[in-house]
Amino acid sequence: MVIHYKCPNCGNDMAYDSESGTLLCEACGTKETIETLPEENITTTFSEEEAREYNCENCGAVLLTDADTVATKCSFCGAGVVLSDRVSGTLAPSLVIPFTISKDEAVQAFKKWCRNGLLTPKGFMSADRVKSITGMYVPFWLYDINSRVKVSGTATKVRTYSHGDYIYTKTKYYDIFRDINLDYLKVPVDASAKMNDELMDKLEPFPYDQLKEFKTPYLAGFIAEKYNYTDQELLPRVNEKIDSFIEDYIRSTVREYQTVNYRYKDIDTKKLKSYYVLLPVWMVVYDYEKSEYTFAMNGNTGKVVGKPPISWGKVASWFGGVSVASLFVFRIITLIMGGGFL
């Protein structure tokens, strides 16, 4: 079933407005509070297919979507539609963070980001070749994780001192044992096969205090996709993400020692809870010198990630400037110390 939101006042299309947090009719300005709208078909069953036809209830045109599409726009009349059976049953998100940055704000933020590129070509910094900017709700799993860590080993404290004509080194050896209980809340991992994992990881953090109970009107006017991987399938990625944090925490407990050699280290990580959520991302495609560059912007914080082109001329100039400055500083130091260049 296609969910299509019509203005109760004038009958025109309504879409989610990031500024007011309501469904907005641009034709007459009517706003509808999402929390009070009736939720329909959220518990219906879903039959997964590679492609499926829907009919736009606004103009009757056929919408052909792949199996991952949750929300889209009609290519004929431009109406935003939500495919309710793609957000039903086990495919229904539990939470969503709505967009707070509008499309116009996203465009301006991206242009500002381009102008700040110290090593990007001048033509790229003009930011006048934005090919497309698309608001997309990306499926994520959020995990509450518990790690029980037990380590044992030998540590040393070394003290060096002098007495008369002799220099002494005193080394004390310690047996160490740590029993650590760590909880990590809302660790995010994107669940879409189409999205670049590296880009999505770099978009963090999202403001998780703005998580809301999922309602389909939040998707109106945006593109959204359903998850391709279950929470169990992505659990290894979660464990990999928190491994470095666990290691950092272990090291923080033995910083008073000069050396630490571990005899035993056991890390038992368990999933406590997982949440299927949709997070807001602006996807930007930039056309520069016959090549396309893809960037992602956090739909709440405005953080932009991606790999822009590099001006190797600027790189050479920058390193050249650093080298000259370093040489100048070295020369001043040697003059002060009464020395000179060798």
C-alpha atoms as a PDB file:
ATOM      1  CA  MET A   1       0.000   0.000   0.000  1.00  0.00           C
ATOM      2  CA  VAL A   2       1.191   3.522  -0.804  1.00  0.00           C
ATOM      3  CA  ILE A   3       0.757   6.083   1.965  1.00  0.00           C
ATOM      4  CA  HIS A   4       0.274   9.547   0.505  1.00  0.00           C
ATOM      5  CA  TYR A   5      -0.333  12.564   2.711  1.00  0.00           C
ATOM      6  CA  LYS A   6      -2.786  15.143   1.347  1.00  0.00           C
ATOM      7  CA  CYS A   7      -3.470  18.535   2.868  1.00  0.00           C
ATOM      8  CA  PRO A   8      -6.883  18.487   4.638  1.00  0.00           C
ATOM      9  CA  ASN A   9      -7.274  22.174   3.795  1.00  0.00           C
ATOM     10  CA  CYS A  10      -6.480  22.433   0.071  1.00  0.00           C
ATOM     11  CA  GLY A  11      -5.756  18.870  -1.078  1.00  0.00           C
ATOM     12  CA  ASN A  12      -2.150  19.499  -2.143  1.00  0.00           C
ATOM     13  CA  ASP A  13       0.796  17.293  -1.227  1.00  0.00           C
ATOM     14  CA  MET A  14       2.276  17.421   2.267  1.00  0.00           C
ATOM     15  CA  ALA A  15       5.858  16.585   3.221  1.00  0.00           C
ATOM     16  CA  TYR A  16       7.895  16.522   6.421  1.00  0.00           C
ATOM     17  CA  ASP A  17       9.309  19.953   7.277  1.00  0.00           C
ATOM     18  CA  SER A  18      12.639  19.773   9.134  1.00  0.00           C
ATOM     19  CA  GLU A  19      12.327  23.305  10.555  1.00  0.00           C
ATOM     20  CA  SER A  20       8.937  22.917  12.245  1.00  0.00           C
ATOM     21  CA  GLY A  21       8.980  19.142  12.731  1.00  0.00           C
ATOM     22  CA  THR A  22       5.506  18.840  11.191  1.00  0.00           C
ATOM     23  CA  LEU A  23       3.871  17.785   7.939  1.00  0.00           C
ATOM     24  CA  LEU A  24       3.734  20.936   5.854  1.00  0.00           C
ATOM     25  CA  CYS A  25       1.634  21.904   2.850  1.00  0.00           C
ATOM     26  CA  GLU A  26       3.723  24.358   0.841  1.00  0.00           C
ATOM     27  CA  ALA A  27       0.665  25.468  -1.122  1.00  0.00           C
ATOM     28  CA  CYS A  28      -1.392  26.874   1.767  1.00  0.00           C
ATOM     29  CA  GLY A  29       0.955  26.611   4.741  1.00  0.00           C
ATOM     30  CA  THR A  30      -1.106  24.101   6.702  1.00  0.00           C
ATOM     31  CA  LYS A  31       0.865  22.177   9.333  1.00  0.00           C
ATOM     32  CA  GLU A  32      -0.116  18.845  10.883  1.00  0.00           C
ATOM     33  CA  THR A  33       1.465  17.525  14.087  1.00  0.00           C
ATOM     34  CA  ILE A  34       2.889  14.083  13.404  1.00  0.00           C
ATOM     35  CA  GLU A  35       2.275  12.694  16.890  1.00  0.00           C
ATOM     36  CA  THR A  36      -1.489  13.139  16.506  1.00  0.00           C
ATOM     37  CA  LEU A  37      -1.806  11.584  13.043  1.00  0.00           C
ATOM     38  CA  PRO A  38      -3.374   8.095  12.850  1.00  0.00           C
ATOM     39  CA  GLU A  39      -0.900   5.297  12.074  1.00  0.00           C
ATOM     40  CA  GLU A  40      -2.175   2.744   9.558  1.00  0.00           C
ATOM     41  CA  ASN A  41      -0.953  -0.639   8.298  1.00  0.00           C
ATOM     42  CA  ILE A  42       2.079  -0.672  10.550  1.00  0.00           C
ATOM     43  CA  THR A  43       1.437  -4.298  11.509  1.00  0.00           C
ATOM     44  CA  THR A  44       0.615  -5.718   8.092  1.00  0.00           C
ATOM     45  CA  THR A  45       2.667  -8.616   6.702  1.00  0.00           C
ATOM     46  CA  PHE A  46       5.346  -8.177   4.074  1.00  0.00           C
ATOM     47  CA  SER A  47       6.240 -10.366   1.118  1.00  0.00           C
ATOM     48  CA  GLU A  48       9.773  -9.535   0.001  1.00  0.00           C
ATOM     49  CA  GLU A  49      10.364  -9.307  -3.752  1.00  0.00           C
ATOM     50  CA  GLU A  50      13.180  -8.018  -5.922  1.00  0.00           C
ATOM     51  CA  ALA A  51      10.917  -5.421  -7.527  1.00  0.00           C
ATOM     52  CA  ARG A  52       7.331  -4.378  -7.146  1.00  0.00           C
ATOM     53  CA  GLU A  53       4.841  -2.017  -8.728  1.00  0.00           C
ATOM     54  CA  TYR A  54       2.873   0.576  -6.781  1.00  0.00           C
ATOM     55  CA  ASN A  55       0.441   3.211  -7.962  1.00  0.00           C
ATOM     56  CA  CYS A  56       0.809   6.846  -6.986  1.00  0.00           C
ATOM     57  CA  GLU A  57      -2.459   7.853  -5.357  1.00  0.00           C
ATOM     58  CA  ASN A  58      -1.899  11.431  -6.479  1.00  0.00           C
ATOM     59  CA  CYS A  59      -1.656  10.979 -10.259  1.00  0.00           C
ATOM     60  CA  GLY A  60      -2.099   7.221 -10.787  1.00  0.00           C
ATOM     61  CA  ALA A  61       1.360   6.703 -12.276  1.00  0.00           C
ATOM     62  CA  VAL A  62       3.101   3.366 -11.754  1.00  0.00           C
ATOM     63  CA  LEU A  63       5.998   3.434  -9.285  1.00  0.00           C
ATOM     64  CA  LEU A  64       8.517   0.666  -9.885  1.00  0.00           C
ATOM     65  CA  THR A  65      10.789   0.185  -6.883  1.00  0.00           C
ATOM     66  CA  ASP A  66      13.426  -2.287  -5.825  1.00  0.00           C
ATOM     67  CA  ALA A  67      12.980  -4.375  -2.705  1.00  0.00           C
ATOM     68  CA  ASP A  68      14.940  -1.982  -0.498  1.00  0.00           C
ATOM     69  CA  THR A  69      12.950   1.221  -1.099  1.00  0.00           C
ATOM     70  CA  VAL A  70      10.821   2.424   1.809  1.00  0.00           C
ATOM     71  CA  ALA A  71      10.022   5.982   0.741  1.00  0.00           C
ATOM     72  CA  THR A  72      10.430   7.726  -2.602  1.00  0.00           C
ATOM     73  CA  LYS A  73       9.025  10.403  -4.883  1.00  0.00           C
ATOM     74  CA  CYS A  74       6.749   9.957  -7.884  1.00  0.00           C
ATOM     75  CA  SER A  75       8.800  10.759 -10.975  1.00  0.00           C
ATOM     76  CA  PHE A  76       5.679  12.082 -12.749  1.00  0.00           C
ATOM     77  CA  CYS A  77       4.045  14.453 -10.239  1.00  0.00           C
ATOM     78  CA  GLY A  78       6.808  14.718  -7.645  1.00  0.00           C
ATOM     79  CA  ALA A  79       4.624  13.624  -4.749  1.00  0.00           C
ATOM     80  CA  GLY A  80       6.393  12.066  -1.798  1.00  0.00           C
ATOM     81  CA  VAL A  81       5.088   8.582  -0.962  1.00  0.00           C
ATOM     82  CA  VAL A  82       5.769   6.003   1.736  1.00  0.00           C
ATOM     83  CA  LEU A  83       5.446   2.286   0.927  1.00  0.00           C
ATOM     84  CA  SER A  84       3.795   1.068   4.095  1.00  0.00           C
ATOM     85  CA  ASP A  85       4.422  -2.652   3.631  1.00  0.00           C
ATOM     86  CA  ARG A  86       8.151  -1.890   3.560  1.00  0.00           C
ATOM     87  CA  VAL A  87       7.941  -0.516   7.112  1.00  0.00           C
ATOM     88  CA  SER A  88       5.626  -3.166   8.525  1.00  0.00           C
ATOM     89  CA  GLY A  89       6.002  -6.162  10.812  1.00  0.00           C
ATOM     90  CA  THR A  90       9.644  -7.129  11.341  1.00  0.00           C
ATOM     91  CA  LEU A  91      10.681  -4.398   8.885  1.00  0.00           C
ATOM     92  CA  ALA A  92       9.135  -1.608  10.961  1.00  0.00           C
ATOM     93  CA  PRO A  93      11.789   0.680  12.498  1.00  0.00           C
ATOM     94  CA  SER A  94      11.385   1.267  16.206  1.00  0.00           C
ATOM     95  CA  LEU A  95      12.941   4.739  16.246  1.00  0.00           C
ATOM     96  CA  VAL A  96      13.853   7.602  13.913  1.00  0.00           C
ATOM     97  CA  ILE A  97      15.846  10.819  14.130  1.00  0.00           C
ATOM     98  CA  PRO A  98      14.034  13.340  11.896  1.00  0.00           C
ATOM     99  CA  PHE A  99      15.893  15.787   9.660  1.00  0.00           C
ATOM    100  CA  THR A 100      16.599  19.151  11.271  1.00  0.00           C
ATOM    101  CA  ILE A 101      18.603  20.555   8.331  1.00  0.00           C
ATOM    102  CA  SER A 102      16.517  21.540   5.311  1.00  0.00           C
ATOM    103  CA  LYS A 103      17.642  21.034   1.725  1.00  0.00           C
ATOM    104  CA  ASP A 104      18.492  24.735   1.287  1.00  0.00           C
ATOM    105  CA  GLU A 105      20.483  24.700   4.529  1.00  0.00           C
ATOM    106  CA  ALA A 106      22.272  21.527   3.400  1.00  0.00           C
ATOM    107  CA  VAL A 107      23.259  23.145   0.095  1.00  0.00           C
ATOM    108  CA  GLN A 108      24.647  26.216   1.863  1.00  0.00           C
ATOM    109  CA  ALA A 109      26.498  24.100   4.434  1.00  0.00           C
ATOM    110  CA  PHE A 110      28.062  21.988   1.687  1.00  0.00           C
ATOM    111  CA  LYS A 111      29.192  25.067  -0.267  1.00  0.00           C
ATOM    112  CA  LYS A 112      30.772  26.484   2.882  1.00  0.00           C
ATOM    113  CA  TRP A 113      32.554  23.178   3.461  1.00  0.00           C
ATOM    114  CA  CYS A 114      33.902  23.222  -0.112  1.00  0.00           C
ATOM    115  CA  ARG A 115      35.261  26.762   0.325  1.00  0.00           C
ATOM    116  CA  ASN A 116      37.223  25.654   3.403  1.00  0.00           C
ATOM    117  CA  GLY A 117      39.217  23.038   1.486  1.00  0.00           C
ATOM    118  CA  LEU A 118      42.820  24.145   1.964  1.00  0.00           C
ATOM    119  CA  LEU A 119      44.262  21.576  -0.455  1.00  0.00           C
ATOM    120  CA  THR A 120      41.384  21.284  -2.950  1.00  0.00           C
ATOM    121  CA  PRO A 121      41.506  22.825  -6.435  1.00  0.00           C
ATOM    122  CA  LYS A 122      40.196  26.377  -6.785  1.00  0.00           C
ATOM    123  CA  GLY A 123      37.516  25.231  -9.226  1.00  0.00           C
ATOM    124  CA  PHE A 124      36.180  22.716  -6.693  1.00  0.00           C
ATOM    125  CA  MET A 125      36.082  25.332  -3.936  1.00  0.00           C
ATOM    126  CA  SER A 126      33.631  27.441  -5.933  1.00  0.00           C
ATOM    127  CA  ALA A 127      31.006  24.743  -5.133  1.00  0.00           C
ATOM    128  CA  ASP A 128      28.975  25.552  -8.247  1.00  0.00           C
ATOM    129  CA  ARG A 129      28.744  22.028  -9.682  1.00  0.00           C
ATOM    130  CA  VAL A 130      26.396  20.284  -7.252  1.00  0.00           C
ATOM    131  CA  LYS A 131      24.691  17.715  -9.453  1.00  0.00           C
ATOM    132  CA  SER A 132      22.174  16.446  -6.887  1.00  0.00           C
ATOM    133  CA  ILE A 133      21.423  16.532  -3.181  1.00  0.00           C
ATOM    134  CA  THR A 134      19.063  13.906  -1.801  1.00  0.00           C
ATOM    135  CA  GLY A 135      17.615  13.553   1.662  1.00  0.00           C
ATOM    136  CA  MET A 136      17.714   9.916   2.680  1.00  0.00           C
ATOM    137  CA  TYR A 137      16.817   7.991   5.800  1.00  0.00           C
ATOM    138  CA  VAL A 138      19.514   5.336   6.124  1.00  0.00           C
ATOM    139  CA  PRO A 139      18.747   2.132   8.071  1.00  0.00           C
ATOM    140  CA  PHE A 140      20.969   1.558  11.099  1.00  0.00           C
ATOM    141  CA  TRP A 141      21.093  -0.885  13.963  1.00  0.00           C
ATOM    142  CA  LEU A 142      21.888   0.610  17.360  1.00  0.00           C
ATOM    143  CA  TYR A 143      23.343  -1.790  19.906  1.00  0.00           C
ATOM    144  CA  ASP A 144      23.571  -1.799  23.672  1.00  0.00           C
ATOM    145  CA  ILE A 145      26.690  -3.861  24.384  1.00  0.00           C
ATOM    146  CA  ASN A 146      28.256  -5.278  27.539  1.00  0.00           C
ATOM    147  CA  SER A 147      31.898  -6.367  27.698  1.00  0.00           C
ATOM    148  CA  ARG A 148      33.344  -8.280  30.635  1.00  0.00           C
ATOM    149  CA  VAL A 149      37.128  -8.014  30.543  1.00  0.00           C
ATOM    150  CA  LYS A 150      39.646  -9.960  32.619  1.00  0.00           C
ATOM    151  CA  VAL A 151      43.383  -9.427  32.225  1.00  0.00           C
ATOM    152  CA  SER A 152      46.456 -10.448  34.186  1.00  0.00           C
ATOM    153  CA  GLY A 153      50.128  -9.870  33.648  1.00  0.00           C
ATOM    154  CA  THR A 154      53.381  -8.417  34.921  1.00  0.00           C
ATOM    155  CA  ALA A 155      54.117  -4.698  35.126  1.00  0.00           C
ATOM    156  CA  THR A 156      57.202  -2.706  36.054  1.00  0.00           C
ATOM    157  CA  LYS A 157      58.011   0.662  37.552  1.00  0.00           C
ATOM    158  CA  VAL A 158      61.508   1.916  36.784  1.00  0.00           C
ATOM    159  CA  ARG A 159      63.355   4.630  38.710  1.00  0.00           C
ATOM    160  CA  THR A 160      66.777   5.977  37.771  1.00  0.00           C
ATOM    161  CA  TYR A 161      68.858   8.000  40.229  1.00  0.00           C
ATOM    162  CA  SER A 162      72.502   8.947  40.840  1.00  0.00           C
ATOM    163  CA  HIS A 163      74.617   8.599  43.974  1.00  0.00           C
ATOM    164  CA  GLY A 164      78.166   9.857  43.911  1.00  0.00           C
ATOM    165  CA  ASP A 165      79.832   8.725  40.704  1.00  0.00           C
ATOM    166  CA  TYR A 166      77.262   6.023  40.027  1.00  0.00           C
ATOM    167  CA  ILE A 167      73.884   5.948  38.253  1.00  0.00           C
ATOM    168  CA  TYR A 168      71.440   3.393  39.586  1.00  0.00           C
ATOM    169  CA  THR A 169      68.347   1.909  37.962  1.00  0.00           C
ATOM    170  CA  LYS A 170      65.774   0.388  40.273  1.00  0.00           C
ATOM    171  CA  THR A 171      63.044  -1.802  38.790  1.00  0.00           C
ATOM    172  CA  LYS A 172      60.017  -2.984  40.754  1.00  0.00           C
ATOM    173  CA  TYR A 173      57.863  -5.831  39.423  1.00  0.00           C
ATOM    174  CA  TYR A 174      54.135  -6.143  40.033  1.00  0.00           C
ATOM    175  CA  ASP A 175      51.530  -8.783  39.317  1.00  0.00           C
ATOM    176  CA  ILE A 176      48.462  -7.048  37.923  1.00  0.00           C
ATOM    177  CA  PHE A 177      44.881  -8.212  37.546  1.00  0.00           C
ATOM    178  CA  ARG A 178      41.933  -6.275  36.151  1.00  0.00           C
ATOM    179  CA  ASP A 179      38.272  -7.316  36.205  1.00  0.00           C
ATOM    180  CA  ILE A 180      36.404  -4.719  34.133  1.00  0.00           C
ATOM    181  CA  ASN A 181      32.717  -4.371  33.307  1.00  0.00           C
ATOM    182  CA  LEU A 182      31.980  -2.050  30.372  1.00  0.00           C
ATOM    183  CA  ASP A 183      28.626  -0.970  28.917  1.00  0.00           C
ATOM    184  CA  TYR A 184      28.340   0.714  25.534  1.00  0.00           C
ATOM    185  CA  LEU A 185      24.983   2.241  24.610  1.00  0.00           C
ATOM    186  CA  LYS A 186      23.590   2.881  21.133  1.00  0.00           C
ATOM    187  CA  VAL A 187      26.611   1.815  19.087  1.00  0.00           C
ATOM    188  CA  PRO A 188      25.564   2.509  15.444  1.00  0.00           C
ATOM    189  CA  VAL A 189      26.169   0.354  12.369  1.00  0.00           C
ATOM    190  CA  ASP A 190      24.537   1.079   9.016  1.00  0.00           C
ATOM    191  CA  ALA A 191      22.461  -1.813   7.686  1.00  0.00           C
ATOM    192  CA  SER A 192      22.199  -0.874   4.001  1.00  0.00           C
ATOM    193  CA  ALA A 193      24.177  -2.776   1.370  1.00  0.00           C
ATOM    194  CA  LYS A 194      24.094   0.286  -0.906  1.00  0.00           C
ATOM    195  CA  MET A 195      25.692   2.756   1.486  1.00  0.00           C
ATOM    196  CA  ASN A 196      29.442   3.181   1.873  1.00  0.00           C
ATOM    197  CA  ASP A 197      30.293   1.898   5.356  1.00  0.00           C
ATOM    198  CA  GLU A 198      33.290   4.212   5.711  1.00  0.00           C
ATOM    199  CA  LEU A 199      31.196   7.296   4.925  1.00  0.00           C
ATOM    200  CA  MET A 200      28.459   6.251   7.327  1.00  0.00           C
ATOM    201  CA  ASP A 201      30.941   5.585  10.156  1.00  0.00           C
ATOM    202  CA  LYS A 202      32.510   9.021   9.714  1.00  0.00           C
ATOM    203  CA  LEU A 203      29.125  10.765   9.959  1.00  0.00           C
ATOM    204  CA  GLU A 204      28.909   9.913  13.646  1.00  0.00           C
ATOM    205  CA  PRO A 205      27.880  11.001  16.124  1.00  0.00           C
ATOM    206  CA  PHE A 206      24.142  11.505  15.657  1.00  0.00           C
ATOM    207  CA  PRO A 207      22.150  13.252  18.410  1.00  0.00           C
ATOM    208  CA  TYR A 208      20.572  10.170  19.966  1.00  0.00           C
ATOM    209  CA  ASP A 209      18.705  12.327  22.478  1.00  0.00           C
ATOM    210  CA  GLN A 210      16.522  13.323  19.495  1.00  0.00           C
ATOM    211  CA  LEU A 211      15.369   9.759  18.776  1.00  0.00           C
ATOM    212  CA  LYS A 212      11.601   9.589  18.336  1.00  0.00           C
ATOM    213  CA  GLU A 213       9.121   6.760  18.059  1.00  0.00           C
ATOM    214  CA  PHE A 214       8.902   5.864  14.383  1.00  0.00           C
ATOM    215  CA  LYS A 215       5.952   7.222  12.425  1.00  0.00           C
ATOM    216  CA  THR A 216       5.657   7.109   8.647  1.00  0.00           C
ATOM    217  CA  PRO A 217       4.966  10.889   8.191  1.00  0.00           C
ATOM    218  CA  TYR A 218       8.633  11.573   9.021  1.00  0.00           C
ATOM    219  CA  LEU A 219       9.514   9.900   5.714  1.00  0.00           C
ATOM    220  CA  ALA A 220       7.163  11.970   3.542  1.00  0.00           C
ATOM    221  CA  GLY A 221       9.154  13.901   0.942  1.00  0.00           C
ATOM    222  CA  PHE A 222      12.365  11.955   1.526  1.00  0.00           C
ATOM    223  CA  ILE A 223      13.897   8.744   0.243  1.00  0.00           C
ATOM    224  CA  ALA A 224      14.305   5.877   2.686  1.00  0.00           C
ATOM    225  CA  GLU A 225      15.528   2.293   2.525  1.00  0.00           C
ATOM    226  CA  LYS A 226      14.990  -0.797   4.618  1.00  0.00           C
ATOM    227  CA  TYR A 227      17.784  -2.822   6.157  1.00  0.00           C
ATOM    228  CA  ASN A 228      19.654  -5.490   4.163  1.00  0.00           C
ATOM    229  CA  TYR A 229      21.384  -7.048   7.171  1.00  0.00           C
ATOM    230  CA  THR A 230      19.891  -8.252  10.424  1.00  0.00           C
ATOM    231  CA  ASP A 231      21.219  -7.169  13.806  1.00  0.00           C
ATOM    232  CA  GLN A 232      22.771 -10.610  14.264  1.00  0.00           C
ATOM    233  CA  GLU A 233      24.587 -10.448  10.916  1.00  0.00           C
ATOM    234  CA  LEU A 234      26.141  -7.081  11.807  1.00  0.00           C
ATOM    235  CA  LEU A 235      27.208  -8.062  15.316  1.00  0.00           C
ATOM    236  CA  PRO A 236      30.833  -8.803  14.228  1.00  0.00           C
ATOM    237  CA  ARG A 237      31.109  -5.225  12.903  1.00  0.00           C
ATOM    238  CA  VAL A 238      29.885  -3.869  16.233  1.00  0.00           C
ATOM    239  CA  ASN A 239      32.447  -5.927  18.127  1.00  0.00           C
ATOM    240  CA  GLU A 240      35.148  -4.668  15.772  1.00  0.00           C
ATOM    241  CA  LYS A 241      34.080  -1.049  16.363  1.00  0.00           C
ATOM    242  CA  ILE A 242      34.317  -1.275  20.142  1.00  0.00           C
ATOM    243  CA  ASP A 243      37.537  -3.358  20.249  1.00  0.00           C
ATOM    244  CA  SER A 244      39.725  -0.254  20.151  1.00  0.00           C
ATOM    245  CA  PHE A 245      37.689   1.417  22.925  1.00  0.00           C
ATOM    246  CA  ILE A 246      38.091  -1.662  25.120  1.00  0.00           C
ATOM    247  CA  GLU A 247      41.849  -1.743  24.528  1.00  0.00           C
ATOM    248  CA  ASP A 248      42.112   1.975  25.299  1.00  0.00           C
ATOM    249  CA  TYR A 249      40.220   1.475  28.553  1.00  0.00           C
ATOM    250  CA  ILE A 250      42.470  -1.422  29.605  1.00  0.00           C
ATOM    251  CA  ARG A 251      45.556   0.714  28.944  1.00  0.00           C
ATOM    252  CA  SER A 252      44.057   3.568  30.973  1.00  0.00           C
ATOM    253  CA  THR A 253      43.984   1.316  34.070  1.00  0.00           C
ATOM    254  CA  VAL A 254      47.733   0.549  33.944  1.00  0.00           C
ATOM    255  CA  ARG A 255      49.181   3.917  32.971  1.00  0.00           C
ATOM    256  CA  GLU A 256      51.216   4.244  36.160  1.00  0.00           C
ATOM    257  CA  TYR A 257      53.515   1.440  34.991  1.00  0.00           C
ATOM    258  CA  GLN A 258      56.409   1.823  32.546  1.00  0.00           C
ATOM    259  CA  THR A 259      55.932  -1.608  30.976  1.00  0.00           C
ATOM    260  CA  VAL A 260      53.079  -4.111  30.968  1.00  0.00           C
ATOM    261  CA  ASN A 261      53.261  -7.691  29.684  1.00  0.00           C
ATOM    262  CA  TYR A 262      49.940  -9.521  29.609  1.00  0.00           C
ATOM    263  CA  ARG A 263      49.838 -13.221  30.413  1.00  0.00           C
ATOM    264  CA  TYR A 264      46.094 -13.529  30.019  1.00  0.00           C
ATOM    265  CA  LYS A 265      43.414 -11.392  28.397  1.00  0.00           C
ATOM    266  CA  ASP A 266      39.789 -12.483  28.055  1.00  0.00           C
ATOM    267  CA  ILE A 267      37.123 -10.237  26.524  1.00  0.00           C
ATOM    268  CA  ASP A 268      33.540 -11.508  26.610  1.00  0.00           C
ATOM    269  CA  THR A 269      31.235  -9.184  24.643  1.00  0.00           C
ATOM    270  CA  LYS A 270      27.466  -9.688  24.545  1.00  0.00           C
ATOM    271  CA  LYS A 271      24.588  -7.884  22.883  1.00  0.00           C
ATOM    272  CA  LEU A 272      22.101  -6.616  25.445  1.00  0.00           C
ATOM    273  CA  LYS A 273      19.662  -4.980  23.052  1.00  0.00           C
ATOM    274  CA  SER A 274      19.392  -3.783  19.467  1.00  0.00           C
ATOM    275  CA  TYR A 275      17.200  -1.132  17.867  1.00  0.00           C
ATOM    276  CA  TYR A 276      16.292  -0.774  14.190  1.00  0.00           C
ATOM    277  CA  VAL A 277      16.384   2.964  13.459  1.00  0.00           C
ATOM    278  CA  LEU A 278      16.387   5.357  10.517  1.00  0.00           C
ATOM    279  CA  LEU A 279      18.966   8.172  10.589  1.00  0.00           C
ATOM    280  CA  PRO A 280      18.917  11.311   8.377  1.00  0.00           C
ATOM    281  CA  VAL A 281      21.621  11.756   5.737  1.00  0.00           C
ATOM    282  CA  TRP A 282      21.944  14.201   2.864  1.00  0.00           C
ATOM    283  CA  MET A 283      23.727  12.550  -0.064  1.00  0.00           C
ATOM    284  CA  VAL A 284      25.535  15.031  -2.318  1.00  0.00           C
ATOM    285  CA  VAL A 285      26.834  14.284  -5.815  1.00  0.00           C
ATOM    286  CA  TYR A 286      29.351  16.832  -7.100  1.00  0.00           C
ATOM    287  CA  ASP A 287      30.462  17.014 -10.734  1.00  0.00           C
ATOM    288  CA  TYR A 288      34.040  18.240 -11.183  1.00  0.00           C
ATOM    289  CA  GLU A 289      36.177  17.899 -14.315  1.00  0.00           C
ATOM    290  CA  LYS A 290      34.128  15.036 -15.777  1.00  0.00           C
ATOM    291  CA  SER A 291      34.255  13.033 -12.535  1.00  0.00           C
ATOM    292  CA  GLU A 292      31.571  12.549  -9.899  1.00  0.00           C
ATOM    293  CA  TYR A 293      32.355  12.798  -6.200  1.00  0.00           C
ATOM    294  CA  THR A 294      29.936  11.541  -3.568  1.00  0.00           C
ATOM    295  CA  PHE A 295      29.677  13.139  -0.147  1.00  0.00           C
ATOM    296  CA  ALA A 296      27.432  12.531   2.832  1.00  0.00           C
ATOM    297  CA  MET A 297      26.132  15.075   5.327  1.00  0.00           C
ATOM    298  CA  ASN A 298      24.713  14.368   8.770  1.00  0.00           C
ATOM    299  CA  GLY A 299      21.090  15.553   8.548  1.00  0.00           C
ATOM    300  CA  ASN A 300      21.231  16.944  12.096  1.00  0.00           C
ATOM    301  CA  THR A 301      24.751  18.227  12.728  1.00  0.00           C
ATOM    302  CA  GLY A 302      25.715  19.278   9.183  1.00  0.00           C
ATOM    303  CA  LYS A 303      28.972  17.305   9.340  1.00  0.00           C
ATOM    304  CA  VAL A 304      30.246  16.557   5.796  1.00  0.00           C
ATOM    305  CA  VAL A 305      32.374  13.532   4.924  1.00  0.00           C
ATOM    306  CA  GLY A 306      33.873  12.341   1.654  1.00  0.00           C
ATOM    307  CA  LYS A 307      37.068  12.520  -0.387  1.00  0.00           C
ATOM    308  CA  PRO A 308      37.373  15.712  -2.469  1.00  0.00           C
ATOM    309  CA  PRO A 309      39.922  16.105  -5.282  1.00  0.00           C
ATOM    310  CA  ILE A 310      43.389  17.252  -4.222  1.00  0.00           C
ATOM    311  CA  SER A 311      45.384  20.064  -5.824  1.00  0.00           C
ATOM    312  CA  TRP A 312      48.927  18.709  -5.908  1.00  0.00           C
ATOM    313  CA  GLY A 313      50.183  22.195  -6.667  1.00  0.00           C
ATOM    314  CA  LYS A 314      48.734  23.392  -3.345  1.00  0.00           C
ATOM    315  CA  VAL A 315      50.199  20.361  -1.608  1.00  0.00           C
ATOM    316  CA  ALA A 316      53.674  21.169  -2.967  1.00  0.00           C
ATOM    317  CA  SER A 317      53.313  24.838  -1.983  1.00  0.00           C
ATOM    318  CA  TRP A 318      52.135  23.936   1.513  1.00  0.00           C
ATOM    319  CA  PHE A 319      55.008  21.537   2.187  1.00  0.00           C
ATOM    320  CA  GLY A 320      57.420  23.987   0.652  1.00  0.00           C
ATOM    321  CA  GLY A 321      56.155  26.704   2.995  1.00  0.00           C
ATOM    322  CA  VAL A 322      56.461  24.404   6.004  1.00  0.00           C
ATOM    323  CA  SER A 323      60.026  23.475   5.023  1.00  0.00           C
ATOM    324  CA  VAL A 324      61.067  27.128   4.637  1.00  0.00           C
ATOM    325  CA  ALA A 325      59.438  28.051   7.956  1.00  0.00           C
ATOM    326  CA  SER A 326      61.165  25.146   9.722  1.00  0.00           C
ATOM    327  CA  LEU A 327      64.513  26.121   8.234  1.00  0.00           C
ATOM    328  CA  PHE A 328      64.005  29.717   9.360  1.00  0.00           C
ATOM    329  CA  VAL A 329      63.136  28.658  12.936  1.00  0.00           C
ATOM    330  CA  PHE A 330      66.191  26.373  13.047  1.00  0.00           C
ATOM    331  CA  ARG A 331      68.406  29.231  11.856  1.00  0.00           C
ATOM    332  CA  ILE A 332      67.097  31.562  14.595  1.00  0.00           C
ATOM    333  CA  ILE A 333      67.704  28.908  17.281  1.00  0.00           C
ATOM    334  CA  THR A 334      71.274  28.289  16.152  1.00  0.00           C
ATOM    335  CA  LEU A 335      72.004  32.039  16.140  1.00  0.00           C
ATOM    336  CA  ILE A 336      70.635  32.405  19.652  1.00  0.00           C
ATOM    337  CA  MET A 337      72.770  29.470  20.824  1.00  0.00           C
ATOM    338  CA  GLY A 338      75.823  30.944  19.145  1.00  0.00           C
ATOM    339  CA  GLY A 339      76.023  28.297  16.460  1.00  0.00           C
ATOM    340  CA  GLY A 340      75.588  28.199  12.738  1.00  0.00           C
ATOM    341  CA  PHE A 341      74.749  25.900   9.869  1.00  0.00           C
ATOM    342  CA  LEU A 342      77.083  22.984   9.370  1.00  0.00           C
END
